[in-house]
Each structure stands twice: as structure tokens, then as C-alpha cells.
Protein backbone atom coordinates (compact mmCIF):
# COMPACT_ATOMS: atom_id res chain seq x y z
CA UNK A 1 359.13 -79.59 226.12
CA UNK A 2 360.08 -81.96 228.81
CA UNK A 3 361.14 -79.06 230.90
CA UNK A 4 357.69 -77.50 230.64
CA UNK A 5 355.96 -80.66 231.79
CA UNK A 6 358.35 -81.05 234.66
CA UNK A 7 357.88 -77.42 235.61
CA UNK A 8 354.16 -77.95 235.63
CA UNK A 9 354.52 -80.95 237.87
CA UNK A 10 356.77 -79.07 240.27
CA UNK A 11 354.60 -75.96 240.47
CA UNK A 12 351.06 -77.08 241.22
CA UNK A 13 349.65 -73.55 240.87
CA UNK A 14 350.37 -73.25 237.24
CA UNK A 15 348.33 -74.72 234.48
CA UNK A 16 346.48 -77.66 236.03
CA UNK A 17 342.70 -77.76 235.74
CA UNK A 18 342.34 -79.32 239.18
CA UNK A 19 344.26 -76.49 240.77
CA UNK A 20 342.02 -73.91 239.13
CA UNK A 21 338.95 -75.58 240.55
CA UNK A 22 340.44 -75.66 244.01
CA UNK A 23 341.33 -72.00 243.72
CA UNK A 24 337.81 -71.14 242.59
CA UNK A 25 336.32 -73.27 245.35
CA UNK A 26 338.50 -71.47 247.94
CA UNK A 27 337.28 -68.06 246.77
CA UNK A 28 333.66 -69.20 246.84
CA UNK A 29 334.27 -70.76 250.20
CA UNK A 30 335.66 -67.47 251.61
CA UNK A 31 332.63 -65.58 250.28
CA UNK A 32 330.30 -68.11 251.83
CA UNK A 33 332.14 -67.78 255.13
CA UNK A 34 331.77 -63.98 255.04
CA UNK A 35 328.05 -64.30 254.31
CA UNK A 36 327.61 -66.82 257.14
CA UNK A 37 329.46 -64.53 259.58
CA UNK A 38 327.32 -61.59 258.50
CA UNK A 39 324.11 -63.60 259.00
CA UNK A 40 325.30 -64.77 262.45
CA UNK A 41 326.13 -61.21 263.46
CA UNK A 42 322.72 -59.96 262.31
CA UNK A 43 320.97 -62.82 264.16
CA UNK A 44 323.04 -62.14 267.30
CA UNK A 45 322.14 -58.46 267.25
CA UNK A 46 318.45 -59.32 266.72
CA UNK A 47 318.48 -61.76 269.65
CA UNK A 48 320.21 -59.23 271.94
CA UNK A 49 317.72 -56.52 270.93
CA UNK A 50 314.83 -58.93 271.59
CA UNK A 51 316.17 -59.72 275.07
CA UNK A 52 316.60 -56.01 275.87
CA UNK A 53 313.05 -55.30 274.65
CA UNK A 54 311.63 -58.17 276.72
CA UNK A 55 313.40 -57.05 279.90
CA UNK A 56 312.27 -53.47 279.33
CA UNK A 57 308.65 -54.55 278.87
CA UNK A 58 308.85 -56.69 282.01
CA UNK A 59 310.21 -53.81 284.10
CA UNK A 60 307.70 -51.34 282.64
CA UNK A 61 304.75 -53.63 283.33
CA UNK A 62 305.98 -54.19 286.89
CA UNK A 63 306.08 -50.43 287.46
CA UNK A 64 302.48 -50.19 286.26
CA UNK A 65 301.46 -52.75 288.90
CA UNK A 66 303.15 -50.68 291.62
CA UNK A 67 301.52 -47.44 290.47
CA UNK A 68 299.79 -45.41 293.14
CA UNK A 69 296.13 -44.76 292.63
CA UNK A 70 295.36 -41.07 292.73
CA UNK A 71 292.32 -40.27 294.83
CA UNK A 72 290.54 -36.97 294.68
CA UNK A 73 291.33 -35.05 297.84
CA UNK A 74 288.93 -33.41 300.19
CA UNK A 75 289.36 -30.55 302.60
CA UNK A 76 288.60 -31.09 306.26
CA UNK A 77 287.19 -27.76 307.41
CA UNK A 78 287.04 -28.94 311.01
CA UNK A 79 290.80 -29.37 311.30
CA UNK A 80 293.02 -26.36 312.02
CA UNK A 81 296.67 -25.71 312.66
CA UNK A 82 297.91 -23.82 315.70
CA UNK A 83 298.71 -20.85 313.46
CA UNK A 84 295.08 -20.50 312.32
CA UNK A 85 293.11 -21.44 315.42
CA UNK A 86 292.50 -17.83 316.50
CA UNK A 87 291.16 -16.61 313.14
CA UNK A 88 288.23 -18.86 312.31
CA UNK A 89 285.17 -17.26 310.65
CA UNK A 90 282.99 -17.54 313.80
CA UNK A 91 282.83 -15.10 316.71
CA UNK A 92 282.80 -17.93 319.24
CA UNK A 93 283.93 -21.56 318.94
CA UNK A 94 285.89 -24.40 320.56
CA UNK A 95 289.19 -25.89 319.51
CA UNK A 96 290.07 -29.34 320.85
CA UNK A 97 293.86 -29.74 320.78
CA UNK A 98 295.46 -33.18 321.11
CA UNK A 99 297.91 -35.55 319.41
CA UNK A 100 296.07 -37.90 317.04
CA UNK A 101 298.77 -40.53 317.60
CA UNK A 102 298.34 -40.70 321.38
CA UNK A 103 296.76 -43.67 323.15
CA UNK A 104 293.74 -41.59 324.17
CA UNK A 105 293.13 -40.06 320.72
CA UNK A 106 290.14 -42.32 319.93
CA UNK A 107 288.44 -41.24 323.15
CA UNK A 108 289.04 -37.54 322.38
CA UNK A 109 287.82 -37.93 318.81
CA UNK A 110 284.64 -39.70 319.97
CA UNK A 111 283.97 -36.91 322.47
CA UNK A 112 284.31 -34.31 319.72
CA UNK A 113 282.11 -36.28 317.29
CA UNK A 114 279.37 -36.62 319.93
CA UNK A 115 279.44 -32.87 320.49
CA UNK A 116 279.27 -32.11 316.74
CA UNK A 117 276.21 -34.33 316.33
CA UNK A 118 274.18 -32.27 318.80
CA UNK A 119 271.39 -30.29 317.18
CA UNK A 120 271.11 -27.66 319.87
CA UNK A 121 271.13 -24.02 318.88
CA UNK A 122 273.41 -23.02 321.74
CA UNK A 123 276.19 -25.44 320.79
CA UNK A 124 279.29 -23.80 319.36
CA UNK A 125 281.27 -24.79 316.30
CA UNK A 126 284.16 -27.07 317.26
CA UNK A 127 287.51 -27.50 315.52
CA UNK A 128 290.26 -30.03 316.01
CA UNK A 129 294.01 -29.28 316.11
CA UNK A 130 296.41 -32.23 315.76
CA UNK A 131 299.63 -31.78 317.73
CA UNK A 132 301.11 -34.74 315.84
CA UNK A 133 301.11 -32.68 312.63
CA UNK A 134 304.60 -31.41 311.78
CA UNK A 135 303.31 -27.81 311.64
CA UNK A 136 302.03 -28.05 315.22
CA UNK A 137 304.75 -30.13 316.92
CA UNK A 138 306.69 -27.09 318.06
CA UNK A 139 303.73 -26.08 320.25
CA UNK A 140 303.54 -29.45 322.02
CA UNK A 141 305.06 -29.19 325.56
CA UNK A 142 307.82 -26.80 324.53
CA UNK A 143 308.59 -25.62 328.05
CA UNK A 144 311.39 -27.25 329.99
CA UNK A 145 309.01 -28.10 332.84
CA UNK A 146 306.46 -29.68 330.41
CA UNK A 147 303.69 -27.34 331.54
CA UNK A 148 301.40 -25.58 329.15
CA UNK A 149 301.00 -21.84 328.89
CA UNK A 150 297.41 -21.18 329.99
CA UNK A 151 297.81 -17.42 329.64
CA UNK A 152 298.70 -17.49 325.94
CA UNK A 153 296.80 -15.03 323.76
CA UNK A 154 299.06 -15.06 320.68
CA UNK A 155 300.06 -17.98 318.50
CA UNK A 156 303.75 -17.58 319.44
CA UNK A 157 302.90 -18.08 323.12
CA UNK A 158 300.95 -21.34 322.77
CA UNK A 159 302.34 -24.40 324.52
CA UNK A 160 299.97 -27.35 324.81
CA UNK A 161 299.89 -30.48 326.93
CA UNK A 162 298.34 -33.81 325.86
CA UNK A 163 294.75 -32.49 325.79
CA UNK A 164 293.44 -28.95 325.73
CA UNK A 165 290.08 -27.37 325.00
CA UNK A 166 290.21 -23.73 323.97
CA UNK A 167 287.11 -21.56 324.06
CA UNK A 168 287.73 -18.74 321.58
CA UNK A 169 285.68 -15.52 321.64
CA UNK A 170 286.33 -12.72 319.20
CA UNK A 171 289.78 -14.08 318.28
CA UNK A 172 290.98 -14.41 321.88
CA UNK A 173 291.24 -17.36 324.26
CA UNK A 174 288.50 -17.01 326.88
CA UNK A 175 288.94 -20.49 328.45
CA UNK A 176 291.90 -22.84 328.52
CA UNK A 177 290.88 -26.27 329.87
CA UNK A 178 293.23 -29.25 330.23
CA UNK A 179 291.33 -31.55 332.58
CA UNK A 180 289.63 -34.42 330.72
CA UNK A 181 286.54 -34.53 332.96
CA UNK A 182 286.00 -30.78 332.72
CA UNK A 183 286.33 -30.94 328.92
CA UNK A 184 283.90 -33.85 328.84
CA UNK A 185 281.34 -31.83 330.83
CA UNK A 186 281.75 -28.80 328.57
CA UNK A 187 281.18 -30.88 325.42
CA UNK A 188 278.09 -32.75 326.61
């Protein structure tokens, strides 16, 4: 019997009530640690998801602030391209051709507006052709000598300077005027 008691003293894992409690406490302690880790992982994931959601909302709301307002468009029936200036629905009309980005553009536009406001029966319809438009740029001083083609009767032959007034009759150019003062007199 003495041997059994000594064996119990030497081997702490066998038979002692204190050792059993420690062993039970260690198992409970490991389970508690697993539960705590699980809770921390769940909380970490929730926090990361919350941050991602917040950043996404912030970016989305910023995009809404930068949104472009869509405005209903309108058609300007007084503006033509070089390709369509010979086929307007009138038998006789004027086409004022100039670059809307030039220094003198305001002066040319005012001259055209003044002419359009006339209430005379003999005044012709007037159109405007912008040489600054990408469709019309190839007709703006194409020649090597920077001179316009005053004899042009087809669209392919047009070559305009800074300011030109065309008088169109029955789909053909009847007058080709480039002098500002002469144009001003014609549109009075």
C-alpha cells in the first residue's frame, strides 16, 4: 500500500482530486478560448464589412454629386454644314460662312441676327455655317495659297476663307462674297 501512495505522489495525473479539477478547468478554458476567438473573428469581419460599405456609399454619393444634368436638346434650323448648304428647302437664300471661334465671330453673328430680324418681304432666308465645326474644318482654307475657291459649284470644291456670304439660287452659288463691307451692305 505504501507503494500506491508513493506512486500517486510521484505521478500527479493519477488519482488526485485537485488534478482532476485542473484538467477540467483546462478543457473549459480551451473551449472558452475557441469561443472568444470565434467572436473576435465574427466582429472583425463585421467591422471590415461595415468599413467597405461606408466607403462604397461615400464613393457612390460623390458620383451622384458629379452627375451631369441632362437637358432636352433643340435643333437649330438656321445652322447648316458645308455638305448641306446647297440643298435647303428654299429656292433662294443666303449662307453666312465663318468660324464661330474667331475674334470677329461676335460681329458676324450680330450682323446675321440683325438681318434675320427684318420684317421685309424681299429679305431672303439666311443660314449660318460654322467652319469651326469638325465636319466643316476640311473646307476652311484648304488650298496651299490660303485662297478660297470662288468658282465652286459642288460641295467637294468649296474652300472658304475667314468670312464668306453665299447667295444660293436653285441649288447653285450665284454670288460668292468675302469682303466684310460688301457683306454688311448686302445684309442691311
